Protein backbone atom coordinates (compact mmCIF):
# COMPACT_ATOMS: atom_id res chain seq x y z
CA MET A 1 97.34 73.83 -66.68
CA SER A 2 100.73 73.15 -65.04
CA ASP A 3 102.77 75.73 -63.15
CA THR A 4 105.99 76.40 -65.09
CA SER A 5 106.97 79.63 -63.33
CA LYS A 6 109.87 78.03 -61.43
CA ARG A 7 111.56 76.22 -64.29
CA GLY A 8 114.67 77.22 -66.21
CA PHE A 9 115.70 80.86 -65.97
CA ALA A 10 112.92 81.68 -63.48
CA SER A 11 114.17 79.03 -61.05
CA MET A 12 117.65 80.58 -60.82
CA ASP A 13 118.56 82.96 -58.05
CA GLU A 14 118.65 86.66 -58.94
CA ASP A 15 122.45 86.84 -59.00
CA LYS A 16 122.67 84.02 -61.55
CA GLN A 17 119.94 85.64 -63.69
CA ARG A 18 121.81 88.98 -63.55
CA GLU A 19 125.07 87.30 -64.55
CA ILE A 20 123.48 85.62 -67.59
CA ALA A 21 121.62 88.79 -68.61
CA SER A 22 124.83 90.79 -68.31
CA LYS A 23 126.67 88.38 -70.60
CA GLY A 24 123.84 88.66 -73.14
CA GLY A 25 123.97 92.45 -73.02
CA LYS A 26 127.73 92.53 -73.47
CA ALA A 27 127.52 90.10 -76.39
CA ALA A 28 124.83 92.22 -78.07
CA HIS A 29 126.96 95.34 -77.73
CA GLU A 30 130.00 93.56 -79.16
CA LYS A 31 127.91 92.27 -82.06
CA GLY A 32 126.41 95.71 -82.62
CA THR A 33 122.80 94.61 -82.18
CA ALA A 34 122.17 96.15 -78.76
CA HIS A 35 119.61 98.93 -78.51
CA GLU A 36 121.18 102.33 -77.90
CA PHE A 37 118.78 104.71 -76.18
CA THR A 38 118.40 108.18 -77.62
CA SER A 39 118.29 111.03 -75.13
CA GLU A 40 114.52 111.29 -75.74
CA GLU A 41 113.98 107.56 -75.01
CA ALA A 42 116.10 107.81 -71.87
CA ARG A 43 114.17 110.89 -70.73
CA GLU A 44 110.85 109.09 -71.27
CA ALA A 45 112.06 106.01 -69.38
CA GLY A 46 113.17 108.20 -66.48
CA ARG A 47 109.83 110.00 -66.45
CA LYS A 48 107.91 106.71 -66.34
CA GLY A 49 110.14 105.40 -63.56
CA GLY A 50 109.63 108.59 -61.57
CA GLU A 51 105.87 108.35 -61.96
CA THR A 52 105.85 104.74 -60.84
CA THR A 53 108.08 105.46 -57.85
CA SER A 54 106.06 108.50 -56.77
CA GLN A 55 102.88 106.37 -56.72
CA ASP A 56 104.42 104.15 -54.03
CA ARG A 57 103.14 106.12 -51.04
CA GLU A 58 105.01 104.00 -48.50
CA PHE A 59 108.33 104.58 -50.27
CA MET A 60 107.68 108.31 -50.63
CA ALA A 61 106.76 108.52 -46.94
CA GLU A 62 110.08 106.87 -46.05
CA ILE A 63 111.94 109.40 -48.22
CA GLY A 64 110.14 112.18 -46.38
CA ARG A 65 110.98 110.71 -42.97
CA GLU A 66 114.65 110.35 -43.88
CA GLY A 67 114.74 113.88 -45.26
CA GLY A 68 113.15 115.17 -42.08
CA LYS A 69 115.76 113.41 -39.97
CA HIS A 70 118.57 115.01 -41.95
CA SER A 71 117.10 118.51 -42.03
CA HIS A 72 116.16 118.60 -38.33
CA ARG A 73 119.40 117.45 -36.75
CA GLY A 74 120.96 119.46 -33.95
CA ASP A 75 123.57 122.12 -34.65
CA ARG A 76 126.35 120.14 -32.98
CA ASN A 77 127.43 118.48 -36.26
CA LYS A 78 125.84 120.89 -38.69
CA ASN A 79 128.94 121.60 -40.76
CA ASP A 80 129.99 117.95 -40.93
CA ASP A 81 126.51 116.82 -41.99
CA HIS A 82 126.23 119.54 -44.61
CA GLU A 83 129.55 118.59 -46.19
CA GLU A 84 128.59 114.90 -46.16
CA GLU A 85 125.21 115.64 -47.77
CA GLU A 86 126.88 117.71 -50.49
CA GLU A 87 129.21 114.83 -51.28
CA LYS A 88 126.27 112.41 -51.57
CA GLY A 89 124.17 114.91 -53.50
CA THR A 90 121.24 114.57 -51.09
CA GLN A 91 119.16 117.09 -49.25
CA GLY A 92 116.45 116.86 -46.62
CA GLY A 93 112.89 117.97 -46.86
CA SER A 94 109.39 116.99 -45.88
CA HIS A 95 107.18 114.64 -47.86
CA GLU A 96 105.10 117.61 -48.94
CA GLN A 97 108.21 119.40 -50.21
CA HIS A 98 109.24 116.33 -52.20
CA VAL A 99 105.77 116.03 -53.72
CA LYS A 100 105.73 119.74 -54.61
CA ALA A 101 109.20 119.51 -56.18
CA GLY A 102 108.17 116.42 -58.14
CA LYS A 103 105.06 118.13 -59.50
CA GLN A 104 107.13 121.18 -60.44
CA SER A 105 109.74 119.08 -62.24
CA HIS A 106 107.03 117.36 -64.29
CA LYS A 107 105.68 120.74 -65.38
CA ASN A 108 109.09 121.58 -66.81
CA GLN A 109 109.22 118.58 -69.15
């Protein structure tokens, strides 16, 4: 059996693949054959993505570390940091707090 994984589309760099896929998506929308997600389908896709992401323990640990850094900064720039975090829509918190919040949000669905 020959290895064909690096031929054609698969052999292109990611930017080229993205460019071609984008053109295909735009053409499908113009033609009217593109799939339009319902709010239920979008909600389900988001739920599945969240589950997959939360299973990546290394990634979740990094989120927790970053949150800890932000929530435990000194008071010297407290107001500036708070305003910046509000603009970004991010907040700090420990890994355990993120896990608890994630479990709670899944209960509400």
